[in-house]
């Protein structure tokens, strides 16, 4: 059998040898955590209006009231965690129109 070193051309390797080298040399990739993939965010009052099918004034009331704990605001940028917003909305006893 041929000795494998740093100067061995890849074309000279068998599939098994290439797999063995890749398993040893390439670190295992960790899967992306599910919590980051499944999170859904909406932005601004427009996002609240579209998700809850309400007017601009009602979206403003929701942002400042029922959904307050799900809203993060940096200056004029409004970010709403919709998973948390739906839970808060359900707990408030309101219904989506």
N, C-alpha and C. Protein backbone atom coordinates (compact mmCIF):
# COMPACT_ATOMS: atom_id res chain seq x y z
N UNK A 1 0.84 -1.19 0.00
CA UNK A 1 0.00 0.00 0.00
C UNK A 1 0.88 1.24 0.00
N UNK A 2 0.42 2.27 -0.62
CA UNK A 2 1.15 3.51 -0.79
C UNK A 2 1.17 4.31 0.51
N UNK A 3 2.27 4.94 0.80
CA UNK A 3 2.40 5.79 1.98
C UNK A 3 1.76 7.15 1.67
N UNK A 4 0.91 7.62 2.58
CA UNK A 4 0.24 8.90 2.37
C UNK A 4 0.99 9.97 3.16
N UNK A 5 1.38 11.06 2.48
CA UNK A 5 2.02 12.19 3.16
C UNK A 5 1.44 13.48 2.59
N UNK A 6 2.01 14.61 2.99
CA UNK A 6 1.49 15.91 2.55
C UNK A 6 1.65 16.14 1.05
N UNK A 7 2.52 15.39 0.40
CA UNK A 7 2.76 15.58 -1.03
C UNK A 7 1.97 14.60 -1.90
N UNK A 8 1.15 13.74 -1.28
CA UNK A 8 0.38 12.76 -2.04
C UNK A 8 -0.77 13.47 -2.76
N UNK A 9 -0.88 13.30 -4.06
CA UNK A 9 -2.00 13.93 -4.79
C UNK A 9 -3.33 13.31 -4.36
N UNK A 10 -4.35 14.13 -4.28
CA UNK A 10 -5.68 13.65 -3.88
C UNK A 10 -6.18 12.60 -4.86
N UNK A 11 -5.84 12.74 -6.11
CA UNK A 11 -6.28 11.80 -7.13
C UNK A 11 -5.73 10.40 -6.89
N UNK A 12 -4.67 10.28 -6.12
CA UNK A 12 -4.05 8.98 -5.86
C UNK A 12 -4.69 8.28 -4.66
N UNK A 13 -5.56 8.95 -3.94
CA UNK A 13 -6.18 8.37 -2.76
C UNK A 13 -7.41 7.57 -3.15
N UNK A 14 -7.69 6.55 -2.35
CA UNK A 14 -8.96 5.84 -2.51
C UNK A 14 -10.03 6.61 -1.75
N UNK A 15 -11.26 6.28 -2.00
CA UNK A 15 -12.36 6.94 -1.30
C UNK A 15 -12.23 6.71 0.20
N UNK A 16 -11.89 5.49 0.61
CA UNK A 16 -11.74 5.16 2.02
C UNK A 16 -10.65 6.02 2.66
N UNK A 17 -9.51 6.16 1.98
CA UNK A 17 -8.41 6.95 2.52
C UNK A 17 -8.81 8.42 2.66
N UNK A 18 -9.52 8.94 1.68
CA UNK A 18 -9.97 10.32 1.74
C UNK A 18 -10.94 10.54 2.90
N UNK A 19 -11.86 9.60 3.09
CA UNK A 19 -12.81 9.70 4.21
C UNK A 19 -12.08 9.69 5.54
N UNK A 20 -11.10 8.81 5.69
CA UNK A 20 -10.34 8.73 6.93
C UNK A 20 -9.61 10.04 7.21
N UNK A 21 -9.00 10.61 6.19
CA UNK A 21 -8.29 11.87 6.37
C UNK A 21 -9.26 12.99 6.76
N UNK A 22 -10.40 13.04 6.09
CA UNK A 22 -11.38 14.09 6.39
C UNK A 22 -11.95 13.96 7.80
N UNK A 23 -12.18 12.73 8.27
CA UNK A 23 -12.71 12.52 9.61
C UNK A 23 -11.72 12.98 10.66
N UNK A 24 -10.44 12.79 10.41
CA UNK A 24 -9.42 13.16 11.38
C UNK A 24 -9.13 14.66 11.32
N UNK A 25 -9.01 15.21 10.14
CA UNK A 25 -8.56 16.58 9.96
C UNK A 25 -9.64 17.65 10.06
N UNK A 26 -10.87 17.33 9.65
CA UNK A 26 -11.94 18.33 9.65
C UNK A 26 -12.74 18.18 10.95
N UNK A 27 -12.83 19.26 11.74
CA UNK A 27 -13.59 19.17 12.98
C UNK A 27 -15.08 19.01 12.70
N UNK A 28 -15.77 18.38 13.63
CA UNK A 28 -17.21 18.20 13.50
C UNK A 28 -17.89 19.56 13.62
N UNK A 29 -18.87 19.81 12.78
CA UNK A 29 -19.62 21.06 12.80
C UNK A 29 -20.81 20.87 13.74
N UNK A 30 -20.93 21.78 14.70
CA UNK A 30 -22.05 21.73 15.63
C UNK A 30 -23.31 22.25 14.94
N UNK A 31 -24.45 21.58 15.11
CA UNK A 31 -25.68 22.09 14.49
C UNK A 31 -26.11 23.40 15.12
N UNK A 32 -26.76 24.22 14.34
CA UNK A 32 -27.27 25.49 14.84
C UNK A 32 -28.34 25.20 15.88
N UNK A 33 -28.28 25.93 16.99
CA UNK A 33 -29.27 25.70 18.03
C UNK A 33 -30.66 26.02 17.50
N UNK A 34 -31.58 25.14 17.83
CA UNK A 34 -32.95 25.25 17.34
C UNK A 34 -33.62 26.55 17.77
N UNK A 35 -33.30 27.02 18.96
CA UNK A 35 -33.99 28.22 19.46
C UNK A 35 -33.74 29.43 18.58
N UNK A 36 -32.58 29.53 17.92
CA UNK A 36 -32.32 30.66 17.05
C UNK A 36 -33.00 30.50 15.70
N UNK A 37 -33.15 29.28 15.25
CA UNK A 37 -33.76 29.03 13.95
C UNK A 37 -35.26 29.26 13.99
N UNK A 38 -35.92 28.84 15.06
CA UNK A 38 -37.37 28.89 15.13
C UNK A 38 -37.93 30.25 15.55
N UNK A 39 -37.10 31.12 16.08
CA UNK A 39 -37.59 32.42 16.54
C UNK A 39 -38.06 33.24 15.34
N UNK A 40 -39.18 33.91 15.53
CA UNK A 40 -39.68 34.80 14.48
C UNK A 40 -39.83 36.19 15.07
N UNK A 41 -39.29 37.13 14.38
CA UNK A 41 -39.38 38.51 14.81
C UNK A 41 -40.11 39.31 13.74
N UNK A 42 -40.85 40.31 14.18
CA UNK A 42 -41.42 41.29 13.26
C UNK A 42 -40.90 42.65 13.70
N UNK A 43 -40.94 43.58 12.78
CA UNK A 43 -40.35 44.88 13.03
C UNK A 43 -41.37 45.99 12.87
N UNK A 44 -41.36 46.88 13.84
CA UNK A 44 -42.18 48.08 13.77
C UNK A 44 -43.67 47.85 14.00
N UNK A 45 -44.37 48.96 14.01
CA UNK A 45 -45.82 48.89 14.17
C UNK A 45 -46.46 48.19 12.96
N UNK A 46 -45.82 48.31 11.81
CA UNK A 46 -46.32 47.62 10.61
C UNK A 46 -46.36 46.12 10.85
N UNK A 47 -45.33 45.58 11.51
CA UNK A 47 -45.29 44.16 11.81
C UNK A 47 -46.42 43.74 12.73
N UNK A 48 -46.69 44.55 13.74
CA UNK A 48 -47.80 44.27 14.66
C UNK A 48 -49.13 44.35 13.90
N UNK A 49 -49.27 45.38 13.06
CA UNK A 49 -50.52 45.53 12.28
C UNK A 49 -50.77 44.30 11.41
N UNK A 50 -49.72 43.82 10.75
CA UNK A 50 -49.89 42.68 9.85
C UNK A 50 -50.14 41.38 10.60
N UNK A 51 -49.44 41.16 11.70
CA UNK A 51 -49.60 39.92 12.46
C UNK A 51 -50.96 39.82 13.14
N UNK A 52 -51.43 40.95 13.68
CA UNK A 52 -52.69 40.93 14.43
C UNK A 52 -53.86 41.52 13.65
N UNK A 53 -53.61 41.98 12.42
CA UNK A 53 -54.65 42.52 11.56
C UNK A 53 -55.44 43.63 12.26
N UNK A 54 -54.69 44.65 12.71
CA UNK A 54 -55.30 45.77 13.43
C UNK A 54 -54.84 47.08 12.80
N UNK A 55 -55.46 48.18 13.24
CA UNK A 55 -55.10 49.51 12.73
C UNK A 55 -53.80 49.98 13.37
N UNK A 56 -53.29 51.09 12.86
CA UNK A 56 -52.05 51.66 13.38
C UNK A 56 -52.22 52.06 14.85
N UNK A 57 -53.33 52.69 15.17
CA UNK A 57 -53.58 53.14 16.55
C UNK A 57 -53.66 51.95 17.50
N UNK A 58 -54.32 50.88 17.08
CA UNK A 58 -54.44 49.68 17.91
C UNK A 58 -53.08 49.01 18.07
N UNK A 59 -52.28 48.99 17.01
CA UNK A 59 -50.93 48.42 17.10
C UNK A 59 -50.10 49.18 18.12
N UNK A 60 -50.22 50.50 18.13
CA UNK A 60 -49.50 51.33 19.11
C UNK A 60 -49.95 50.98 20.53
N UNK A 61 -51.26 50.80 20.73
CA UNK A 61 -51.78 50.43 22.06
C UNK A 61 -51.25 49.07 22.49
N UNK A 62 -51.24 48.11 21.57
CA UNK A 62 -50.71 46.78 21.87
C UNK A 62 -49.24 46.84 22.25
N UNK A 63 -48.47 47.63 21.48
CA UNK A 63 -47.02 47.74 21.73
C UNK A 63 -46.77 48.28 23.14
N UNK A 64 -47.51 49.29 23.53
CA UNK A 64 -47.31 49.92 24.82
C UNK A 64 -48.01 49.20 25.96
N UNK A 65 -48.91 48.27 25.64
CA UNK A 65 -49.69 47.60 26.68
C UNK A 65 -49.46 46.11 26.73
N UNK A 66 -50.32 45.37 26.06
CA UNK A 66 -50.35 43.92 26.12
C UNK A 66 -49.01 43.28 25.72
N UNK A 67 -48.38 43.80 24.69
CA UNK A 67 -47.17 43.18 24.14
C UNK A 67 -45.88 43.79 24.69
N UNK A 68 -45.98 44.62 25.69
CA UNK A 68 -44.83 45.37 26.20
C UNK A 68 -43.61 44.49 26.49
N UNK A 69 -43.82 43.32 27.10
CA UNK A 69 -42.70 42.44 27.46
C UNK A 69 -42.08 41.73 26.26
N UNK A 70 -42.76 41.73 25.12
CA UNK A 70 -42.23 41.08 23.92
C UNK A 70 -41.56 42.09 22.99
N UNK A 71 -41.60 43.37 23.35
CA UNK A 71 -41.09 44.43 22.49
C UNK A 71 -39.73 44.91 22.99
N UNK A 72 -38.80 45.04 22.06
CA UNK A 72 -37.51 45.66 22.33
C UNK A 72 -37.41 46.84 21.38
N UNK A 73 -37.01 47.99 21.93
CA UNK A 73 -36.93 49.18 21.10
C UNK A 73 -35.57 49.83 21.28
N UNK A 74 -34.90 50.08 20.17
CA UNK A 74 -33.63 50.81 20.14
C UNK A 74 -33.85 52.07 19.31
N UNK A 75 -34.00 53.18 19.97
CA UNK A 75 -34.31 54.42 19.24
C UNK A 75 -35.65 54.28 18.55
N UNK A 76 -35.64 54.37 17.23
CA UNK A 76 -36.88 54.23 16.47
C UNK A 76 -37.13 52.82 15.98
N UNK A 77 -36.17 51.93 16.18
CA UNK A 77 -36.29 50.54 15.70
C UNK A 77 -37.06 49.72 16.74
N UNK A 78 -38.15 49.10 16.31
CA UNK A 78 -39.00 48.28 17.19
C UNK A 78 -38.90 46.84 16.72
N UNK A 79 -38.55 45.93 17.65
CA UNK A 79 -38.43 44.51 17.34
C UNK A 79 -39.36 43.75 18.26
N UNK A 80 -40.20 42.89 17.69
CA UNK A 80 -41.18 42.14 18.48
C UNK A 80 -40.91 40.65 18.33
N UNK A 81 -40.72 39.96 19.46
CA UNK A 81 -40.58 38.50 19.50
C UNK A 81 -42.00 37.94 19.40
N UNK A 82 -42.36 37.40 18.24
CA UNK A 82 -43.74 36.99 18.02
C UNK A 82 -44.16 35.78 18.84
N UNK A 83 -43.23 34.91 19.17
CA UNK A 83 -43.57 33.76 20.01
C UNK A 83 -44.06 34.25 21.37
N UNK A 84 -43.30 35.16 21.96
CA UNK A 84 -43.67 35.71 23.26
C UNK A 84 -44.92 36.59 23.13
N UNK A 85 -45.02 37.33 22.03
CA UNK A 85 -46.16 38.21 21.83
C UNK A 85 -47.47 37.42 21.76
N UNK A 86 -47.44 36.28 21.07
CA UNK A 86 -48.66 35.45 20.98
C UNK A 86 -49.08 34.93 22.35
N UNK A 87 -48.10 34.55 23.17
CA UNK A 87 -48.41 34.06 24.52
C UNK A 87 -49.03 35.18 25.34
N UNK A 88 -48.42 36.36 25.30
CA UNK A 88 -48.94 37.50 26.06
C UNK A 88 -50.34 37.89 25.58
N UNK A 89 -50.53 37.86 24.28
CA UNK A 89 -51.83 38.22 23.71
C UNK A 89 -52.91 37.23 24.15
N UNK A 90 -52.56 35.93 24.14
CA UNK A 90 -53.50 34.90 24.57
C UNK A 90 -53.85 35.04 26.06
N UNK A 91 -52.84 35.36 26.86
CA UNK A 91 -53.06 35.53 28.31
C UNK A 91 -53.94 36.74 28.61
N UNK A 92 -53.92 37.73 27.70
CA UNK A 92 -54.71 38.94 27.94
C UNK A 92 -56.20 38.70 27.71
N UNK A 93 -56.54 37.60 27.02
CA UNK A 93 -57.94 37.28 26.77
C UNK A 93 -58.51 37.95 25.53
N UNK A 94 -57.68 38.64 24.78
CA UNK A 94 -58.15 39.29 23.55
C UNK A 94 -58.21 38.28 22.42
N UNK A 95 -58.92 38.64 21.39
CA UNK A 95 -58.99 37.76 20.20
C UNK A 95 -58.50 38.53 18.99
N UNK A 96 -57.89 37.81 18.07
CA UNK A 96 -57.41 38.42 16.85
C UNK A 96 -58.57 38.54 15.87
N UNK A 97 -58.74 39.73 15.29
CA UNK A 97 -59.87 39.93 14.36
C UNK A 97 -59.57 39.37 13.00
